[in-house]
Amino acid sequence: MGGPDASHRHDVARFSRFFRGLVPVFGPVLLLAAGCDDLSARKLIKEGNDDYRKGDFKAAVAKYDEAIKLNPGLPKADINRAYACQAQFTPGLKSPENDKVADCMIESLDRAYKALPERKDLLNLKIQTWIDAQRYELAIGYFKALVAKDPKDLETVKTLPGILLRAGKAEEALEWYRKRCDLEPTNPEGYYAIGVFNWERLHDKAQITGERRIKMADEALAPLAKALQLNPKYIDAMTYINLVYRERALGWDVNVPEQLKKQQDDTAKANEWQHKALALLKAAAPPEKKEPPKDDKSKEKKG
């Protein structure tokens, strides 16, 4: 007699043969389902594109969302979704709705760029979105990571100060301006940038007075003088030296005779540099073309 164990072994063998017979059937069924999802996803992308052309950007995003759910492996859906969200986005505006479409752009571009790393335009659009949506920390983190890999990455070092200034990190921006000068010490533009940066910290800041104002003006004059040393015909540097001297003049107390004289000296230097810049500008201007005299047709010979 076989007993319960023998009966169990018989059932196992029977079901094993049954499932082995089904295995070849499952493969084509799954492939067919996947193929249907792909076709449906592509159809939804096309419908989303139609909505986009009609200007119905929210409907377009909804179609792209459905397509991505059906087939996450179609970066085209994410790219189109990003542009549909961009059409609803207002740079610099802080609102829940604007933040939502910014999130849509960023997550779409994240996925698309991951799938297509050769598409640098997608990366650039994502970085621009970070800045336009005031997600400054994301942009700062990205660029700092690039410099960590390559400390001599000049373009990135030149990019960071502007983003840091937008983020309200003036002191850190100044550090990166200086790093730029360290990387290219013979380029006057780096020193000029520091001078302009320091001038902006003084301009329209009437609350900065006395010795503090004089010191800050001197911190702007020094790099501008260095820029002019490297390029004696740097008209923009001359213009800002003029402007800085005018800000410096506001730091003196005109009620004190010695300080009044210093204010007058600063104003005279400002005028001097202004005239130098204008003279160079005039010398660099192309000569005026003199038109040949026109024929006087009013005097015609009488035959």
Protein backbone atom coordinates (compact mmCIF):
# COMPACT_ATOMS: atom_id res chain seq x y z
CA MET A 1 0.00 0.00 0.00
CA GLY A 2 1.27 3.45 -0.85
CA GLY A 3 -0.36 5.31 2.13
CA PRO A 4 -0.81 9.10 2.47
CA ASP A 5 2.82 9.91 1.54
CA ALA A 6 2.59 8.04 -1.75
CA SER A 7 -0.67 9.85 -2.61
CA HIS A 8 0.98 13.24 -1.86
CA ARG A 9 3.96 12.44 -4.09
CA HIS A 10 1.55 11.52 -6.87
CA ASP A 11 -0.27 14.91 -6.53
CA VAL A 12 3.02 16.85 -6.55
CA ALA A 13 4.17 15.06 -9.68
CA ARG A 14 0.81 15.69 -11.36
CA PHE A 15 0.80 19.45 -10.56
CA SER A 16 4.47 19.81 -11.53
CA ARG A 17 3.67 18.40 -14.99
CA PHE A 18 0.70 20.78 -15.18
CA PHE A 19 2.74 23.94 -14.39
CA ARG A 20 5.60 22.87 -16.65
CA GLY A 21 3.08 22.72 -19.45
CA LEU A 22 1.92 26.28 -18.71
CA VAL A 23 5.34 27.94 -18.66
CA PRO A 24 5.66 28.37 -22.44
CA VAL A 25 2.23 30.03 -22.51
CA PHE A 26 3.01 32.79 -19.92
CA GLY A 27 5.96 34.32 -21.85
CA PRO A 28 4.05 35.43 -24.98
CA VAL A 29 1.09 36.61 -22.86
CA LEU A 30 3.35 38.89 -20.77
CA LEU A 31 5.17 40.18 -23.85
CA LEU A 32 1.87 40.90 -25.53
CA ALA A 33 0.68 42.84 -22.46
CA ALA A 34 3.93 44.80 -22.37
CA GLY A 35 3.61 45.55 -26.07
CA CYS A 36 0.07 46.81 -25.56
CA ASP A 37 1.23 49.09 -22.72
CA ASP A 38 3.95 50.49 -24.94
CA LEU A 39 1.53 51.21 -27.77
CA SER A 40 -0.96 52.76 -25.36
CA ALA A 41 1.78 54.91 -23.81
CA ARG A 42 2.91 56.18 -27.21
CA LYS A 43 -0.70 56.94 -28.14
CA LEU A 44 -1.09 58.94 -24.92
CA ILE A 45 2.09 60.88 -25.69
CA LYS A 46 0.65 61.79 -29.09
CA GLU A 47 -2.61 62.89 -27.47
CA GLY A 48 -0.63 64.94 -24.95
CA ASN A 49 1.26 66.60 -27.80
CA ASP A 50 -2.07 67.52 -29.39
CA ASP A 51 -3.23 69.07 -26.12
CA TYR A 52 0.05 70.97 -25.87
CA ARG A 53 -0.39 72.45 -29.35
CA LYS A 54 -3.91 73.54 -28.39
CA GLY A 55 -2.49 75.30 -25.32
CA ASP A 56 -4.17 72.93 -22.86
CA PHE A 57 -0.99 72.27 -20.88
CA LYS A 58 -2.66 70.71 -17.85
CA ALA A 59 -4.42 68.15 -20.03
CA ALA A 60 -1.11 67.46 -21.76
CA VAL A 61 0.60 66.79 -18.42
CA ALA A 62 -2.20 64.41 -17.42
CA LYS A 63 -1.72 62.43 -20.66
CA TYR A 64 2.05 62.27 -20.17
CA ASP A 65 1.50 61.08 -16.58
CA GLU A 66 -0.66 58.21 -17.83
CA ALA A 67 1.94 57.33 -20.46
CA ILE A 68 4.72 57.25 -17.83
CA LYS A 69 2.66 54.93 -15.61
CA LEU A 70 2.16 52.52 -18.51
CA ASN A 71 5.78 52.67 -19.68
CA PRO A 72 8.34 54.48 -17.48
CA GLY A 73 11.01 53.67 -20.05
CA LEU A 74 9.95 56.35 -22.53
CA PRO A 75 12.04 59.47 -21.78
CA LYS A 76 10.11 61.32 -24.49
CA ALA A 77 7.09 61.41 -22.16
CA ASP A 78 9.16 63.01 -19.40
CA ILE A 79 10.74 65.52 -21.78
CA ASN A 80 7.36 66.58 -23.15
CA ARG A 81 5.95 66.68 -19.61
CA ALA A 82 8.75 69.03 -18.55
CA TYR A 83 7.99 71.43 -21.42
CA ALA A 84 4.24 71.31 -20.71
CA CYS A 85 4.97 72.26 -17.09
CA GLN A 86 7.41 74.95 -18.22
CA ALA A 87 4.59 76.52 -20.25
CA GLN A 88 2.70 76.99 -16.94
CA PHE A 89 5.72 78.26 -14.99
CA THR A 90 6.53 81.89 -14.14
CA PRO A 91 10.22 82.44 -13.24
CA GLY A 92 10.73 84.14 -9.88
CA LEU A 93 7.13 83.81 -8.73
CA LYS A 94 6.60 82.19 -5.32
CA SER A 95 3.21 80.51 -5.06
CA PRO A 96 1.98 76.97 -4.34
CA GLU A 97 0.83 76.52 -7.95
CA ASN A 98 4.11 77.80 -9.40
CA ASP A 99 6.11 75.60 -7.01
CA LYS A 100 4.05 72.62 -8.13
CA VAL A 101 4.85 73.09 -11.82
CA ALA A 102 8.50 73.70 -10.92
CA ASP A 103 8.50 70.34 -9.11
CA CYS A 104 6.95 68.78 -12.20
CA MET A 105 9.72 70.18 -14.43
CA ILE A 106 12.52 69.14 -12.11
CA GLU A 107 11.34 65.55 -11.53
CA SER A 108 10.65 65.08 -15.25
CA LEU A 109 14.08 66.42 -16.21
CA ASP A 110 15.73 64.28 -13.52
CA ARG A 111 14.28 61.12 -15.05
CA ALA A 112 14.85 62.18 -18.66
CA TYR A 113 18.49 63.18 -18.11
CA LYS A 114 19.17 59.96 -16.22
CA ALA A 115 17.91 58.03 -19.25
CA LEU A 116 19.66 60.32 -21.76
CA PRO A 117 22.87 61.63 -20.14
CA GLU A 118 24.14 62.82 -23.51
CA ARG A 119 21.34 65.44 -23.62
CA LYS A 120 23.11 68.37 -21.97
CA ASP A 121 20.21 70.62 -22.93
CA LEU A 122 18.07 68.74 -20.39
CA LEU A 123 20.67 69.30 -17.67
CA ASN A 124 20.93 72.99 -18.54
CA LEU A 125 17.16 73.39 -18.41
CA LYS A 126 17.06 71.68 -15.02
CA ILE A 127 19.75 74.01 -13.64
CA GLN A 128 17.92 77.04 -15.03
CA THR A 129 14.71 75.79 -13.41
CA TRP A 130 16.47 75.50 -10.04
CA ILE A 131 17.49 79.14 -10.33
CA ASP A 132 14.21 80.46 -11.72
CA ALA A 133 12.27 78.59 -9.02
CA GLN A 134 14.67 79.92 -6.35
CA ARG A 135 15.90 76.42 -5.51
CA TYR A 136 19.35 77.93 -5.10
CA GLU A 137 20.70 75.28 -2.76
CA LEU A 138 20.23 72.62 -5.45
CA ALA A 139 22.19 74.69 -7.97
CA ILE A 140 24.90 75.59 -5.44
CA GLY A 141 25.28 71.95 -4.39
CA TYR A 142 25.55 70.81 -8.00
CA PHE A 143 28.26 73.33 -8.93
CA LYS A 144 30.23 72.85 -5.72
CA ALA A 145 30.30 69.11 -6.44
CA LEU A 146 31.81 69.88 -9.86
CA VAL A 147 34.54 72.02 -8.28
CA ALA A 148 35.22 69.31 -5.69
CA LYS A 149 35.98 66.95 -8.57
CA ASP A 150 38.00 69.53 -10.48
CA PRO A 151 39.21 72.52 -8.42
CA LYS A 152 40.49 74.17 -11.62
CA ASP A 153 37.08 74.16 -13.30
CA LEU A 154 37.14 77.87 -14.14
CA GLU A 155 33.71 78.09 -15.76
CA THR A 156 32.05 76.64 -12.67
CA VAL A 157 34.05 78.90 -10.35
CA LYS A 158 32.87 81.88 -12.43
CA THR A 159 29.25 80.69 -12.29
CA LEU A 160 28.95 80.20 -8.53
CA PRO A 161 29.17 83.84 -7.31
CA GLY A 162 26.09 84.91 -9.26
CA ILE A 163 23.99 82.08 -7.81
CA LEU A 164 25.29 82.72 -4.30
CA LEU A 165 24.37 86.40 -4.61
CA ARG A 166 20.83 85.44 -5.65
CA ALA A 167 20.69 83.19 -2.59
CA GLY A 168 21.68 86.12 -0.35
CA LYS A 169 25.15 84.71 0.41
CA ALA A 170 27.26 87.77 -0.37
CA GLU A 171 30.31 86.89 1.72
CA GLU A 172 30.55 83.42 0.20
CA ALA A 173 30.12 84.93 -3.27
CA LEU A 174 33.12 87.18 -2.58
CA GLU A 175 35.20 84.10 -1.68
CA TRP A 176 34.42 82.57 -5.06
CA TYR A 177 35.27 85.82 -6.85
CA ARG A 178 38.67 85.61 -5.18
CA LYS A 179 39.06 81.96 -6.17
CA ARG A 180 38.50 83.02 -9.76
CA CYS A 181 41.36 85.52 -9.45
CA ASP A 182 43.56 82.77 -8.01
CA LEU A 183 42.83 80.59 -11.04
CA GLU A 184 43.50 83.35 -13.60
CA PRO A 185 45.63 86.02 -11.89
CA THR A 186 46.43 87.84 -15.13
CA ASN A 187 42.81 88.29 -16.22
CA PRO A 188 41.59 91.78 -15.24
CA GLU A 189 37.93 90.74 -15.39
CA GLY A 190 38.13 88.81 -12.11
CA TYR A 191 39.45 91.83 -10.21
CA TYR A 192 36.94 94.08 -11.96
CA ALA A 193 34.12 91.78 -10.77
CA ILE A 194 35.29 92.14 -7.15
CA GLY A 195 35.45 95.92 -7.51
CA VAL A 196 31.91 96.11 -8.91
CA PHE A 197 30.67 93.72 -6.20
CA ASN A 198 32.13 95.97 -3.47
CA TRP A 199 30.73 99.10 -5.13
CA GLU A 200 27.25 97.54 -5.14
CA ARG A 201 27.55 97.00 -1.39
CA LEU A 202 27.95 100.77 -0.99
CA HIS A 203 25.65 102.17 -3.66
CA ASP A 204 22.36 103.55 -2.31
CA LYS A 205 23.41 102.55 1.24
CA ALA A 206 23.24 105.89 3.03
CA GLN A 207 23.27 104.13 6.38
CA ILE A 208 26.93 103.17 5.83
CA THR A 209 28.89 106.21 6.98
CA GLY A 210 32.23 107.42 8.26
CA GLU A 211 35.28 105.19 8.51
CA ARG A 212 33.30 102.09 7.60
CA ARG A 213 32.24 103.66 4.30
CA ILE A 214 35.79 104.79 3.54
CA LYS A 215 37.15 101.30 4.23
CA MET A 216 34.54 99.59 2.03
CA ALA A 217 35.27 102.05 -0.78
CA ASP A 218 38.98 101.27 -0.51
CA GLU A 219 38.15 97.55 -0.73
CA ALA A 220 36.48 98.30 -4.07
CA LEU A 221 39.24 100.58 -5.36
CA ALA A 222 42.08 98.10 -4.79
CA PRO A 223 40.83 95.35 -7.15
CA LEU A 224 39.75 97.93 -9.75
CA ALA A 225 43.26 99.40 -9.66
CA LYS A 226 44.62 95.86 -10.18
CA ALA A 227 42.32 95.37 -13.16
CA LEU A 228 43.56 98.65 -14.63
CA GLN A 229 47.16 97.64 -14.01
CA LEU A 230 46.58 94.50 -16.06
CA ASN A 231 44.71 96.42 -18.76
CA PRO A 232 45.51 100.17 -18.78
CA LYS A 233 42.72 100.79 -21.32
CA TYR A 234 39.99 99.06 -19.32
CA ILE A 235 37.25 101.66 -19.71
CA ASP A 236 34.73 99.87 -17.49
CA ALA A 237 37.26 99.71 -14.65
CA MET A 238 37.89 103.44 -15.00
CA THR A 239 34.16 104.11 -14.92
CA TYR A 240 33.74 102.20 -11.67
CA ILE A 241 36.78 103.86 -10.08
CA ASN A 242 34.95 107.12 -10.76
CA LEU A 243 31.76 105.73 -9.18
CA VAL A 244 33.57 104.35 -6.12
CA TYR A 245 35.26 107.69 -5.44
CA ARG A 246 31.84 109.33 -5.46
CA GLU A 247 30.62 106.81 -2.87
CA ARG A 248 33.79 107.33 -0.85
CA ALA A 249 33.23 111.08 -0.82
CA LEU A 250 29.96 110.53 1.03
CA GLY A 251 31.85 109.07 3.99
CA TRP A 252 33.47 112.33 5.06
CA ASP A 253 31.99 114.78 7.54
CA VAL A 254 31.75 118.09 5.64
CA ASN A 255 31.44 119.96 8.94
CA VAL A 256 35.05 119.13 9.73
CA PRO A 257 37.44 121.26 7.56
CA GLU A 258 40.01 118.47 7.11
CA GLN A 259 37.34 116.00 6.07
CA LEU A 260 35.67 118.50 3.75
CA LYS A 261 39.00 118.77 1.93
CA LYS A 262 39.15 114.97 1.61
CA GLN A 263 35.64 114.90 0.23
CA GLN A 264 36.62 117.48 -2.36
CA ASP A 265 39.71 115.42 -3.24
CA ASP A 266 37.58 112.28 -3.75
CA THR A 267 35.15 114.19 -5.96
CA ALA A 268 38.03 115.60 -8.02
CA LYS A 269 39.47 112.09 -8.49
CA ALA A 270 36.01 110.83 -9.53
CA ASN A 271 35.82 113.56 -12.19
CA GLU A 272 39.35 112.81 -13.35
CA TRP A 273 38.59 109.11 -13.90
CA GLN A 274 35.29 109.93 -15.55
CA HIS A 275 37.10 112.17 -18.07
CA LYS A 276 39.73 109.49 -18.72
CA ALA A 277 37.06 106.90 -19.43
CA LEU A 278 35.16 109.25 -21.75
CA ALA A 279 38.33 110.19 -23.63
CA LEU A 280 39.22 106.53 -24.22
CA LEU A 281 35.65 105.78 -25.24
CA LYS A 282 35.72 108.63 -27.74
CA ALA A 283 39.08 107.51 -29.12
CA ALA A 284 37.81 103.95 -29.57
CA ALA A 285 34.67 105.04 -31.43
CA PRO A 286 34.74 104.47 -35.21
CA PRO A 287 35.22 107.65 -37.24
CA GLU A 288 32.10 109.23 -38.65
CA LYS A 289 31.59 108.60 -42.34
CA LYS A 290 31.23 111.76 -44.34
CA GLU A 291 28.63 111.45 -47.06
CA PRO A 292 29.61 112.81 -50.48
CA PRO A 293 27.83 116.03 -51.45
CA LYS A 294 24.56 115.47 -53.24
CA ASP A 295 24.07 116.79 -56.78
CA ASP A 296 22.06 119.97 -56.89
CA LYS A 297 19.40 119.16 -59.44
CA SER A 298 17.65 122.47 -58.97
CA LYS A 299 20.12 124.09 -61.30
CA GLU A 300 19.64 122.51 -64.68
CA LYS A 301 21.16 123.84 -67.84
CA LYS A 302 18.69 125.47 -70.15
CA GLY A 303 19.05 124.26 -73.77
